[in-house]
Amino acid sequence: MLTRITKRTVDAVQANGADQFLWDRDLKGFGLKVTAAGNKVYILQYRKGGRGAPTKRVTIGRHGALTPEQARKEAARLSGGIANGADPAVIRAAEKSAPTVAAFTDRFLAEHVATKTKASTAVEYRRLIENYVLPAIGRKPMRDVTRADVSRLHHDHRTKPYAANRALAVMSKMFSLAEKWGERPDGSNPCRHVEKYAERKRERMLSADDFGRLADALRAPGRSPYVVAAVKLLGVYRRAAVRNPRPEMGMDRFRARRSAIARQQDRRQDTALSGSRPGRARRLAARRRQSFRDCGQRRGRSAGQSRKAVACHPGRGQLGRCSAA
């Protein structure tokens, strides 16, 4: 039936046990489908590719959710796209087959993370995706995720800024690959312009128990020599932490080693001042040690603590009067 589709004509149509079609006389292809059950749906029928091409139909919406005028405007918009070369049926089919975020993360983990990142990075990516990304946007199609969705997810975890920022970085990589793999238009990454939270550096000193566990781990069979070398390089108790599971004893040895190095430096300086004459070097060293003792006693320190008086002297390894004298 050809008529102008208005609210009055739509309400007047009744179900008769078979599908009925009402076509608008003003907008070509715009119509109303009345099903055998009485459901009324606005549709657009068109032909793509000339007279010999088959006709196609796309659903605009149900009557009630849309008024006839709203459906007419949408039909006019779709007709304009068809005139410019678009195919609404193909676009709808692509949207229906588009993967959700949950489905895309499976591909992301299998094709990118598992093959192009370290094992520890892969574990961290999976943890962030399962704990932060999927609960928030896992059911949404990849094409439909907006910057508002990402910003809301980031804001919901503002009490954990480090984790929120790491999750944002993982999503940014995911959506960049979605553009590369054709699942989103180019330049549509919704993570852009979402500002990261400020992160505070975290510092914690190892306790005696921590050092004990570190020593046990380093002494365990099958340990990597590179790990032991890294600990030595960092200077964590030097060799004492590796050899001795008692950290307090290791620290004593570490201090003793530093003192021995300082004494070697003093001897080299004494030798340089004395013109490479050992006898004079010993006399200079004896005079300096006596000067340290006198300085320490004047400041109320015992002879065993007099090495701290070195701060009173104008230069280490040089003779001179104590400034506290």
C-alpha atoms as a PDB file:
ATOM      1  CA  MET A   1       0.000   0.000   0.000  1.00  0.00           C
ATOM      2  CA  LEU A   2       1.331   3.443  -0.952  1.00  0.00           C
ATOM      3  CA  THR A   3       0.410   6.282   1.405  1.00  0.00           C
ATOM      4  CA  ARG A   4       2.004   8.943   3.556  1.00  0.00           C
ATOM      5  CA  ILE A   5       3.244   7.334   6.731  1.00  0.00           C
ATOM      6  CA  THR A   6       1.959   9.259   9.739  1.00  0.00           C
ATOM      7  CA  LYS A   7       1.047   8.306  13.294  1.00  0.00           C
ATOM      8  CA  ARG A   8      -2.622   8.026  12.311  1.00  0.00           C
ATOM      9  CA  THR A   9      -1.942   5.626   9.422  1.00  0.00           C
ATOM     10  CA  VAL A  10       0.482   3.531  11.493  1.00  0.00           C
ATOM     11  CA  ASP A  11      -2.010   3.188  14.361  1.00  0.00           C
ATOM     12  CA  ALA A  12      -4.776   2.281  11.936  1.00  0.00           C
ATOM     13  CA  VAL A  13      -2.963  -0.737  10.497  1.00  0.00           C
ATOM     14  CA  GLN A  14      -3.916  -3.998  12.197  1.00  0.00           C
ATOM     15  CA  ALA A  15      -2.323  -7.437  11.986  1.00  0.00           C
ATOM     16  CA  ASN A  16      -4.056  -9.918   9.704  1.00  0.00           C
ATOM     17  CA  GLY A  17      -1.950 -13.070  10.209  1.00  0.00           C
ATOM     18  CA  ALA A  18       0.634 -12.240   7.524  1.00  0.00           C
ATOM     19  CA  ASP A  19       3.390  -9.654   6.997  1.00  0.00           C
ATOM     20  CA  GLN A  20       2.111  -6.333   5.610  1.00  0.00           C
ATOM     21  CA  PHE A  21       4.065  -3.446   4.095  1.00  0.00           C
ATOM     22  CA  LEU A  22       3.097   0.203   4.035  1.00  0.00           C
ATOM     23  CA  TRP A  23       5.232   2.414   1.710  1.00  0.00           C
ATOM     24  CA  ASP A  24       5.623   6.147   1.982  1.00  0.00           C
ATOM     25  CA  ARG A  25       4.683   8.088  -1.130  1.00  0.00           C
ATOM     26  CA  ASP A  26       7.010  11.041  -0.397  1.00  0.00           C
ATOM     27  CA  LEU A  27      10.305   9.281   0.465  1.00  0.00           C
ATOM     28  CA  LYS A  28      11.224   6.454  -1.857  1.00  0.00           C
ATOM     29  CA  GLY A  29      11.997   3.162  -0.060  1.00  0.00           C
ATOM     30  CA  PHE A  30      10.747   4.290   3.352  1.00  0.00           C
ATOM     31  CA  GLY A  31       8.106   1.962   4.719  1.00  0.00           C
ATOM     32  CA  LEU A  32       6.438   0.224   7.642  1.00  0.00           C
ATOM     33  CA  LYS A  33       6.426  -3.527   8.125  1.00  0.00           C
ATOM     34  CA  VAL A  34       3.630  -5.062  10.204  1.00  0.00           C
ATOM     35  CA  THR A  35       4.426  -8.649  11.217  1.00  0.00           C
ATOM     36  CA  ALA A  36       1.907 -11.441  11.668  1.00  0.00           C
ATOM     37  CA  ALA A  37       2.226 -10.972  15.435  1.00  0.00           C
ATOM     38  CA  GLY A  38       1.338  -7.278  15.147  1.00  0.00           C
ATOM     39  CA  ASN A  39       4.851  -5.770  15.604  1.00  0.00           C
ATOM     40  CA  LYS A  40       5.375  -2.569  13.612  1.00  0.00           C
ATOM     41  CA  VAL A  41       8.883  -1.778  12.339  1.00  0.00           C
ATOM     42  CA  TYR A  42      10.146   1.093  10.167  1.00  0.00           C
ATOM     43  CA  ILE A  43      12.335  -0.062   7.268  1.00  0.00           C
ATOM     44  CA  LEU A  44      14.225   1.273   4.255  1.00  0.00           C
ATOM     45  CA  GLN A  45      14.263  -0.700   1.012  1.00  0.00           C
ATOM     46  CA  TYR A  46      16.838   0.119  -1.658  1.00  0.00           C
ATOM     47  CA  ARG A  47      18.652  -1.323  -4.644  1.00  0.00           C
ATOM     48  CA  LYS A  48      22.437  -1.138  -4.914  1.00  0.00           C
ATOM     49  CA  GLY A  49      23.994  -1.607  -8.345  1.00  0.00           C
ATOM     50  CA  GLY A  50      21.270  -0.816 -10.913  1.00  0.00           C
ATOM     51  CA  ARG A  51      18.027  -2.403 -12.054  1.00  0.00           C
ATOM     52  CA  GLY A  52      19.364  -5.945 -12.161  1.00  0.00           C
ATOM     53  CA  ALA A  53      20.709  -5.845  -8.589  1.00  0.00           C
ATOM     54  CA  PRO A  54      18.653  -7.410  -5.798  1.00  0.00           C
ATOM     55  CA  THR A  55      16.757  -5.217  -3.382  1.00  0.00           C
ATOM     56  CA  LYS A  56      17.940  -4.891   0.200  1.00  0.00           C
ATOM     57  CA  ARG A  57      16.180  -3.861   3.399  1.00  0.00           C
ATOM     58  CA  VAL A  58      17.522  -2.377   6.600  1.00  0.00           C
ATOM     59  CA  THR A  59      15.589  -1.907   9.819  1.00  0.00           C
ATOM     60  CA  ILE A  60      15.360   1.619  11.136  1.00  0.00           C
ATOM     61  CA  GLY A  61      13.548   0.949  14.422  1.00  0.00           C
ATOM     62  CA  ARG A  62      10.362  -0.140  16.120  1.00  0.00           C
ATOM     63  CA  HIS A  63       7.261   1.984  16.163  1.00  0.00           C
ATOM     64  CA  GLY A  64       6.935   3.442  19.649  1.00  0.00           C
ATOM     65  CA  ALA A  65      10.681   3.729  20.172  1.00  0.00           C
ATOM     66  CA  LEU A  66      10.632   6.014  17.126  1.00  0.00           C
ATOM     67  CA  THR A  67       7.925   8.325  15.865  1.00  0.00           C
ATOM     68  CA  PRO A  68       7.110   8.339  12.130  1.00  0.00           C
ATOM     69  CA  GLU A  69       8.936  11.665  11.703  1.00  0.00           C
ATOM     70  CA  GLN A  70      12.079  10.416  13.460  1.00  0.00           C
ATOM     71  CA  ALA A  71      12.059   7.282  11.325  1.00  0.00           C
ATOM     72  CA  ARG A  72      11.591   9.419   8.200  1.00  0.00           C
ATOM     73  CA  LYS A  73      14.654  11.553   9.054  1.00  0.00           C
ATOM     74  CA  GLU A  74      16.794   8.451   9.607  1.00  0.00           C
ATOM     75  CA  ALA A  75      15.582   6.971   6.330  1.00  0.00           C
ATOM     76  CA  ALA A  76      16.487  10.199   4.542  1.00  0.00           C
ATOM     77  CA  ARG A  77      19.978  10.103   6.069  1.00  0.00           C
ATOM     78  CA  LEU A  78      20.510   6.494   4.972  1.00  0.00           C
ATOM     79  CA  SER A  79      19.228   7.310   1.484  1.00  0.00           C
ATOM     80  CA  GLY A  80      21.788  10.103   1.222  1.00  0.00           C
ATOM     81  CA  GLY A  81      24.547   7.663   2.175  1.00  0.00           C
ATOM     82  CA  ILE A  82      23.370   5.208  -0.447  1.00  0.00           C
ATOM     83  CA  ALA A  83      23.482   7.952  -3.084  1.00  0.00           C
ATOM     84  CA  ASN A  84      27.120   8.594  -2.089  1.00  0.00           C
ATOM     85  CA  GLY A  85      28.100   4.943  -2.451  1.00  0.00           C
ATOM     86  CA  ALA A  86      27.474   3.550   1.052  1.00  0.00           C
ATOM     87  CA  ASP A  87      25.704   0.267   1.667  1.00  0.00           C
ATOM     88  CA  PRO A  88      23.799   0.293   4.984  1.00  0.00           C
ATOM     89  CA  ALA A  89      23.235  -3.483   4.953  1.00  0.00           C
ATOM     90  CA  VAL A  90      26.953  -4.189   4.633  1.00  0.00           C
ATOM     91  CA  ILE A  91      27.743  -1.664   7.359  1.00  0.00           C
ATOM     92  CA  ARG A  92      25.184  -3.222   9.714  1.00  0.00           C
ATOM     93  CA  ALA A  93      26.569  -6.720   9.047  1.00  0.00           C
ATOM     94  CA  ALA A  94      30.109  -5.522   9.796  1.00  0.00           C
ATOM     95  CA  GLU A  95      28.939  -3.919  13.044  1.00  0.00           C
ATOM     96  CA  LYS A  96      27.219  -7.113  14.141  1.00  0.00           C
ATOM     97  CA  SER A  97      30.320  -9.200  13.444  1.00  0.00           C
ATOM     98  CA  ALA A  98      32.674  -6.710  15.121  1.00  0.00           C
ATOM     99  CA  PRO A  99      34.473  -8.299  18.105  1.00  0.00           C
ATOM    100  CA  THR A 100      33.818  -7.255  21.662  1.00  0.00           C
ATOM    101  CA  VAL A 101      36.627  -6.020  23.861  1.00  0.00           C
ATOM    102  CA  ALA A 102      36.761  -9.429  25.558  1.00  0.00           C
ATOM    103  CA  ALA A 103      37.118 -11.231  22.222  1.00  0.00           C
ATOM    104  CA  PHE A 104      39.730  -8.768  21.003  1.00  0.00           C
ATOM    105  CA  THR A 105      41.844  -9.171  24.147  1.00  0.00           C
ATOM    106  CA  ASP A 106      42.146 -12.897  23.399  1.00  0.00           C
ATOM    107  CA  ARG A 107      43.616 -12.063  20.008  1.00  0.00           C
ATOM    108  CA  PHE A 108      45.771  -9.306  21.515  1.00  0.00           C
ATOM    109  CA  LEU A 109      47.274 -11.683  24.087  1.00  0.00           C
ATOM    110  CA  ALA A 110      47.810 -14.491  21.573  1.00  0.00           C
ATOM    111  CA  GLU A 111      49.150 -12.573  18.572  1.00  0.00           C
ATOM    112  CA  HIS A 112      50.986  -9.661  20.163  1.00  0.00           C
ATOM    113  CA  VAL A 113      51.744 -10.172  23.843  1.00  0.00           C
ATOM    114  CA  ALA A 114      52.729 -13.849  23.660  1.00  0.00           C
ATOM    115  CA  THR A 115      55.036 -13.333  20.670  1.00  0.00           C
ATOM    116  CA  LYS A 116      56.509  -9.851  21.118  1.00  0.00           C
ATOM    117  CA  THR A 117      56.905  -9.296  24.865  1.00  0.00           C
ATOM    118  CA  LYS A 118      58.799 -10.919  27.716  1.00  0.00           C
ATOM    119  CA  ALA A 119      57.129 -13.570  29.821  1.00  0.00           C
ATOM    120  CA  SER A 120      56.931 -11.272  32.853  1.00  0.00           C
ATOM    121  CA  THR A 121      55.360  -8.536  30.714  1.00  0.00           C
ATOM    122  CA  ALA A 122      52.801 -11.001  29.366  1.00  0.00           C
ATOM    123  CA  VAL A 123      51.810 -11.997  32.917  1.00  0.00           C
ATOM    124  CA  GLU A 124      51.392  -8.343  33.909  1.00  0.00           C
ATOM    125  CA  TYR A 125      49.333  -7.541  30.780  1.00  0.00           C
ATOM    126  CA  ARG A 126      47.000 -10.452  31.464  1.00  0.00           C
ATOM    127  CA  ARG A 127      46.578  -9.398  35.107  1.00  0.00           C
ATOM    128  CA  LEU A 128      45.702  -5.813  34.159  1.00  0.00           C
ATOM    129  CA  ILE A 129      43.259  -6.930  31.466  1.00  0.00           C
ATOM    130  CA  GLU A 130      41.464  -9.446  33.685  1.00  0.00           C
ATOM    131  CA  ASN A 131      41.291  -7.221  36.786  1.00  0.00           C
ATOM    132  CA  TYR A 132      40.675  -3.773  35.290  1.00  0.00           C
ATOM    133  CA  VAL A 133      39.731  -3.773  31.603  1.00  0.00           C
ATOM    134  CA  LEU A 134      37.298  -6.677  31.177  1.00  0.00           C
ATOM    135  CA  PRO A 135      35.084  -5.947  34.224  1.00  0.00           C
ATOM    136  CA  ALA A 136      34.469  -2.425  32.936  1.00  0.00           C
ATOM    137  CA  ILE A 137      34.219  -2.647  29.128  1.00  0.00           C
ATOM    138  CA  GLY A 138      34.618  -6.338  28.262  1.00  0.00           C
ATOM    139  CA  ARG A 139      31.136  -6.688  26.723  1.00  0.00           C
ATOM    140  CA  LYS A 140      31.257  -3.555  24.578  1.00  0.00           C
ATOM    141  CA  PRO A 141      32.134  -3.859  20.880  1.00  0.00           C
ATOM    142  CA  MET A 142      35.620  -2.545  20.124  1.00  0.00           C
ATOM    143  CA  ARG A 143      34.181   0.009  17.685  1.00  0.00           C
ATOM    144  CA  ASP A 144      31.828   1.432  20.298  1.00  0.00           C
ATOM    145  CA  VAL A 145      34.336   2.153  23.084  1.00  0.00           C
ATOM    146  CA  THR A 146      34.624   5.903  23.567  1.00  0.00           C
ATOM    147  CA  ARG A 147      36.982   8.195  25.416  1.00  0.00           C
ATOM    148  CA  ALA A 148      34.305   8.616  28.072  1.00  0.00           C
ATOM    149  CA  ASP A 149      34.402   4.851  28.733  1.00  0.00           C
ATOM    150  CA  VAL A 150      38.180   4.866  29.101  1.00  0.00           C
ATOM    151  CA  SER A 151      38.172   7.997  31.238  1.00  0.00           C
ATOM    152  CA  ARG A 152      35.524   6.482  33.534  1.00  0.00           C
ATOM    153  CA  LEU A 153      37.545   3.281  33.941  1.00  0.00           C
ATOM    154  CA  HIS A 154      40.684   5.292  34.729  1.00  0.00           C
ATOM    155  CA  HIS A 155      38.827   7.473  37.218  1.00  0.00           C
ATOM    156  CA  ASP A 156      37.253   4.511  39.018  1.00  0.00           C
ATOM    157  CA  HIS A 157      40.753   3.340  40.025  1.00  0.00           C
ATOM    158  CA  ARG A 158      42.065   6.738  41.071  1.00  0.00           C
ATOM    159  CA  THR A 159      42.964   5.385  44.543  1.00  0.00           C
ATOM    160  CA  LYS A 160      45.513   3.116  42.816  1.00  0.00           C
ATOM    161  CA  PRO A 161      47.195   5.548  40.418  1.00  0.00           C
ATOM    162  CA  TYR A 162      50.020   3.216  39.415  1.00  0.00           C
ATOM    163  CA  ALA A 163      47.658   0.383  38.440  1.00  0.00           C
ATOM    164  CA  ALA A 164      45.257   2.812  36.734  1.00  0.00           C
ATOM    165  CA  ASN A 165      48.084   4.245  34.607  1.00  0.00           C
ATOM    166  CA  ARG A 166      49.373   0.777  33.669  1.00  0.00           C
ATOM    167  CA  ALA A 167      45.856  -0.297  32.634  1.00  0.00           C
ATOM    168  CA  LEU A 168      45.543   2.863  30.524  1.00  0.00           C
ATOM    169  CA  ALA A 169      48.834   2.046  28.787  1.00  0.00           C
ATOM    170  CA  VAL A 170      47.681  -1.505  28.001  1.00  0.00           C
ATOM    171  CA  MET A 171      44.380  -0.230  26.570  1.00  0.00           C
ATOM    172  CA  SER A 172      46.197   2.340  24.466  1.00  0.00           C
ATOM    173  CA  LYS A 173      48.302  -0.411  22.915  1.00  0.00           C
ATOM    174  CA  MET A 174      45.203  -2.551  22.353  1.00  0.00           C
ATOM    175  CA  PHE A 175      43.297   0.184  20.531  1.00  0.00           C
ATOM    176  CA  SER A 176      46.342   1.106  18.431  1.00  0.00           C
ATOM    177  CA  LEU A 177      46.523  -2.495  17.247  1.00  0.00           C
ATOM    178  CA  ALA A 178      42.753  -2.472  16.663  1.00  0.00           C
ATOM    179  CA  GLU A 179      43.297   0.374  14.192  1.00  0.00           C
ATOM    180  CA  LYS A 180      46.166  -1.510  12.561  1.00  0.00           C
ATOM    181  CA  TRP A 181      44.087  -4.704  12.288  1.00  0.00           C
ATOM    182  CA  GLY A 182      41.074  -2.877  10.836  1.00  0.00           C
ATOM    183  CA  GLU A 183      38.780  -3.172  13.853  1.00  0.00           C
ATOM    184  CA  ARG A 184      38.585   0.607  14.403  1.00  0.00           C
ATOM    185  CA  PRO A 185      38.989   3.634  12.122  1.00  0.00           C
ATOM    186  CA  ASP A 186      42.436   5.236  11.962  1.00  0.00           C
ATOM    187  CA  GLY A 187      43.050   7.917  14.569  1.00  0.00           C
ATOM    188  CA  SER A 188      40.194   6.761  16.801  1.00  0.00           C
ATOM    189  CA  ASN A 189      42.201   5.574  19.831  1.00  0.00           C
ATOM    190  CA  PRO A 190      39.949   6.540  22.793  1.00  0.00           C
ATOM    191  CA  CYS A 191      42.910   6.583  25.205  1.00  0.00           C
ATOM    192  CA  ARG A 192      44.302   9.747  23.656  1.00  0.00           C
ATOM    193  CA  HIS A 193      44.085  12.865  25.842  1.00  0.00           C
ATOM    194  CA  VAL A 194      43.248  10.835  28.969  1.00  0.00           C
ATOM    195  CA  GLU A 195      45.667  12.326  31.478  1.00  0.00           C
ATOM    196  CA  LYS A 196      47.633   9.954  33.676  1.00  0.00           C
ATOM    197  CA  TYR A 197      47.759  10.286  37.449  1.00  0.00           C
ATOM    198  CA  ALA A 198      50.908  11.526  39.147  1.00  0.00           C
ATOM    199  CA  GLU A 199      52.937   8.663  40.595  1.00  0.00           C
ATOM    200  CA  ARG A 200      55.047   8.892  43.724  1.00  0.00           C
ATOM    201  CA  LYS A 201      58.299   7.019  43.877  1.00  0.00           C
ATOM    202  CA  ARG A 202      58.130   4.147  46.303  1.00  0.00           C
ATOM    203  CA  GLU A 203      61.177   3.389  48.442  1.00  0.00           C
ATOM    204  CA  ARG A 204      61.516   0.720  51.102  1.00  0.00           C
ATOM    205  CA  MET A 205      64.596  -0.358  53.012  1.00  0.00           C
ATOM    206  CA  LEU A 206      65.220  -4.066  53.343  1.00  0.00           C
ATOM    207  CA  SER A 207      64.835  -5.462  56.843  1.00  0.00           C
ATOM    208  CA  ALA A 208      66.993  -8.125  58.465  1.00  0.00           C
ATOM    209  CA  ASP A 209      64.453 -10.789  57.464  1.00  0.00           C
ATOM    210  CA  ASP A 210      64.483  -9.492  53.884  1.00  0.00           C
ATOM    211  CA  PHE A 211      68.255  -9.778  53.705  1.00  0.00           C
ATOM    212  CA  GLY A 212      68.098 -13.271  55.169  1.00  0.00           C
ATOM    213  CA  ARG A 213      65.611 -14.354  52.482  1.00  0.00           C
ATOM    214  CA  LEU A 214      67.751 -12.686  49.825  1.00  0.00           C
ATOM    215  CA  ALA A 215      70.819 -14.613  50.956  1.00  0.00           C
ATOM    216  CA  ASP A 216      68.867 -17.897  51.010  1.00  0.00           C
ATOM    217  CA  ALA A 217      67.584 -17.259  47.492  1.00  0.00           C
ATOM    218  CA  LEU A 218      71.048 -16.472  46.186  1.00  0.00           C
ATOM    219  CA  ARG A 219      72.488 -19.607  47.778  1.00  0.00           C
ATOM    220  CA  ALA A 220      69.697 -21.850  46.422  1.00  0.00           C
ATOM    221  CA  PRO A 221      70.683 -24.459  43.842  1.00  0.00           C
ATOM    222  CA  GLY A 222      70.148 -23.538  40.218  1.00  0.00           C
ATOM    223  CA  ARG A 223      70.302 -19.796  40.795  1.00  0.00           C
ATOM    224  CA  SER A 224      71.327 -17.639  37.848  1.00  0.00           C
ATOM    225  CA  PRO A 225      74.896 -16.299  38.065  1.00  0.00           C
ATOM    226  CA  TYR A 226      73.664 -13.075  36.528  1.00  0.00           C
ATOM    227  CA  VAL A 227      71.386 -12.428  39.525  1.00  0.00           C
ATOM    228  CA  VAL A 228      74.276 -12.870  41.959  1.00  0.00           C
ATOM    229  CA  ALA A 229      76.421 -10.576  39.831  1.00  0.00           C
ATOM    230  CA  ALA A 230      73.658  -7.938  39.799  1.00  0.00           C
ATOM    231  CA  VAL A 231      73.386  -8.011  43.605  1.00  0.00           C
ATOM    232  CA  LYS A 232      77.141  -7.628  43.911  1.00  0.00           C
ATOM    233  CA  LEU A 233      77.084  -4.755  41.451  1.00  0.00           C
ATOM    234  CA  LEU A 234      74.369  -2.969  43.426  1.00  0.00           C
ATOM    235  CA  GLY A 235      76.531  -3.203  46.538  1.00  0.00           C
ATOM    236  CA  VAL A 236      73.890  -4.768  48.758  1.00  0.00           C
ATOM    237  CA  TYR A 237      76.134  -5.776  51.640  1.00  0.00           C
ATOM    238  CA  ARG A 238      78.749  -6.558  49.021  1.00  0.00           C
ATOM    239  CA  ARG A 239      80.040 -10.103  49.354  1.00  0.00           C
ATOM    240  CA  ALA A 240      78.685 -10.401  52.921  1.00  0.00           C
ATOM    241  CA  ALA A 241      75.067 -10.610  51.730  1.00  0.00           C
ATOM    242  CA  VAL A 242      75.916 -13.419  49.323  1.00  0.00           C
ATOM    243  CA  ARG A 243      78.085 -15.466  51.671  1.00  0.00           C
ATOM    244  CA  ASN A 244      76.395 -14.928  55.006  1.00  0.00           C
ATOM    245  CA  PRO A 245      72.652 -15.275  55.744  1.00  0.00           C
ATOM    246  CA  ARG A 246      73.145 -13.185  58.920  1.00  0.00           C
ATOM    247  CA  PRO A 247      72.813  -9.603  57.712  1.00  0.00           C
ATOM    248  CA  GLU A 248      74.117  -8.003  60.899  1.00  0.00           C
ATOM    249  CA  MET A 249      77.427  -9.865  60.541  1.00  0.00           C
ATOM    250  CA  GLY A 250      77.517  -9.001  56.864  1.00  0.00           C
ATOM    251  CA  MET A 251      77.167  -5.309  57.675  1.00  0.00           C
ATOM    252  CA  ASP A 252      80.121  -5.476  60.078  1.00  0.00           C
ATOM    253  CA  ARG A 253      82.244  -7.021  57.359  1.00  0.00           C
ATOM    254  CA  PHE A 254      81.041  -4.389  54.921  1.00  0.00           C
ATOM    255  CA  ARG A 255      82.079  -1.583  57.283  1.00  0.00           C
ATOM    256  CA  ALA A 256      85.421  -3.260  57.898  1.00  0.00           C
ATOM    257  CA  ARG A 257      86.006  -3.462  54.166  1.00  0.00           C
ATOM    258  CA  ARG A 258      85.255   0.232  53.754  1.00  0.00           C
ATOM    259  CA  SER A 259      87.702   1.061  56.575  1.00  0.00           C
ATOM    260  CA  ALA A 260      90.414  -1.014  54.918  1.00  0.00           C
ATOM    261  CA  ILE A 261      89.885   0.839  51.637  1.00  0.00           C
ATOM    262  CA  ALA A 262      90.126   4.172  53.463  1.00  0.00           C
ATOM    263  CA  ARG A 263      93.419   3.136  55.110  1.00  0.00           C
ATOM    264  CA  GLN A 264      94.853   2.157  51.735  1.00  0.00           C
ATOM    265  CA  GLN A 265      93.950   5.557  50.366  1.00  0.00           C
ATOM    266  CA  ASP A 266      95.652   7.242  53.357  1.00  0.00           C
ATOM    267  CA  ARG A 267      98.837   5.273  52.747  1.00  0.00           C
ATOM    268  CA  ARG A 268      98.898   6.251  49.085  1.00  0.00           C
ATOM    269  CA  GLN A 269      98.489   9.923  49.989  1.00  0.00           C
ATOM    270  CA  ASP A 270     101.253   9.695  52.632  1.00  0.00           C
ATOM    271  CA  THR A 271     103.592   8.130  50.104  1.00  0.00           C
ATOM    272  CA  ALA A 272     102.855  10.866  47.585  1.00  0.00           C
ATOM    273  CA  LEU A 273     103.519  13.627  50.170  1.00  0.00           C
ATOM    274  CA  SER A 274     106.769  12.064  51.324  1.00  0.00           C
ATOM    275  CA  GLY A 275     108.219  11.822  47.826  1.00  0.00           C
ATOM    276  CA  SER A 276     107.996   8.003  47.758  1.00  0.00           C
ATOM    277  CA  ARG A 277     110.256   7.680  50.888  1.00  0.00           C
ATOM    278  CA  PRO A 278     108.764   4.996  53.196  1.00  0.00           C
ATOM    279  CA  GLY A 279     110.569   6.200  56.315  1.00  0.00           C
ATOM    280  CA  ARG A 280     109.294   9.712  56.088  1.00  0.00           C
ATOM    281  CA  ALA A 281     105.817   8.403  55.192  1.00  0.00           C
ATOM    282  CA  ARG A 282     105.665   6.433  58.448  1.00  0.00           C
ATOM    283  CA  ARG A 283     106.712   9.498  60.444  1.00  0.00           C
ATOM    284  CA  LEU A 284     104.091  11.651  58.742  1.00  0.00           C
ATOM    285  CA  ALA A 285     101.400   9.036  59.382  1.00  0.00           C
ATOM    286  CA  ALA A 286     102.392   8.758  63.059  1.00  0.00           C
ATOM    287  CA  ARG A 287     102.251  12.527  63.505  1.00  0.00           C
ATOM    288  CA  ARG A 288      98.849  12.688  61.852  1.00  0.00           C
ATOM    289  CA  ARG A 289      97.404   9.889  64.011  1.00  0.00           C
ATOM    290  CA  GLN A 290      98.693  11.675  67.121  1.00  0.00           C
ATOM    291  CA  SER A 291      97.079  14.880  65.878  1.00  0.00           C
ATOM    292  CA  PHE A 292      93.758  12.991  65.467  1.00  0.00           C
ATOM    293  CA  ARG A 293      93.992  11.662  69.020  1.00  0.00           C
ATOM    294  CA  ASP A 294      94.714  15.092  70.462  1.00  0.00           C
ATOM    295  CA  CYS A 295      91.812  16.571  68.509  1.00  0.00           C
ATOM    296  CA  GLY A 296      89.467  13.842  69.719  1.00  0.00           C
ATOM    297  CA  GLN A 297      90.471  14.308  73.341  1.00  0.00           C
ATOM    298  CA  ARG A 298      89.997  18.051  73.120  1.00  0.00           C
ATOM    299  CA  ARG A 299      86.450  17.450  71.835  1.00  0.00           C
ATOM    300  CA  GLY A 300      85.661  15.013  74.632  1.00  0.00           C
ATOM    301  CA  ARG A 301      86.091  11.850  72.611  1.00  0.00           C
ATOM    302  CA  SER A 302      88.047   8.774  73.502  1.00  0.00           C
ATOM    303  CA  ALA A 303      91.162   7.723  71.604  1.00  0.00           C
ATOM    304  CA  GLY A 304      89.152   5.008  69.844  1.00  0.00           C
ATOM    305  CA  GLN A 305      86.791   7.637  68.432  1.00  0.00           C
ATOM    306  CA  SER A 306      89.448  10.132  67.445  1.00  0.00           C
ATOM    307  CA  ARG A 307      89.247   9.262  63.737  1.00  0.00           C
ATOM    308  CA  LYS A 308      86.016  11.291  63.637  1.00  0.00           C
ATOM    309  CA  ALA A 309      88.142  14.358  64.270  1.00  0.00           C
ATOM    310  CA  VAL A 310      89.247  14.268  60.655  1.00  0.00           C
ATOM    311  CA  ALA A 311      86.375  16.693  59.931  1.00  0.00           C
ATOM    312  CA  CYS A 312      88.306  19.337  61.921  1.00  0.00           C
ATOM    313  CA  HIS A 313      91.274  19.278  59.552  1.00  0.00           C
ATOM    314  CA  PRO A 314      91.553  21.298  56.379  1.00  0.00           C
ATOM    315  CA  GLY A 315      92.209  18.252  54.161  1.00  0.00           C
ATOM    316  CA  ARG A 316      92.463  14.498  54.525  1.00  0.00           C
ATOM    317  CA  GLY A 317      96.042  13.278  54.115  1.00  0.00           C
ATOM    318  CA  GLN A 318      97.504  16.758  54.710  1.00  0.00           C
ATOM    319  CA  LEU A 319      99.261  17.913  57.848  1.00  0.00           C
ATOM    320  CA  GLY A 320      98.099  21.027  59.534  1.00  0.00           C
ATOM    321  CA  ARG A 321      96.929  22.508  62.790  1.00  0.00           C
ATOM    322  CA  CYS A 322      93.474  21.467  64.040  1.00  0.00           C
ATOM    323  CA  SER A 323      90.969  24.261  63.574  1.00  0.00           C
ATOM    324  CA  ALA A 324      89.496  23.399  66.987  1.00  0.00           C
ATOM    325  CA  ALA A 325      92.850  23.936  68.783  1.00  0.00           C
END
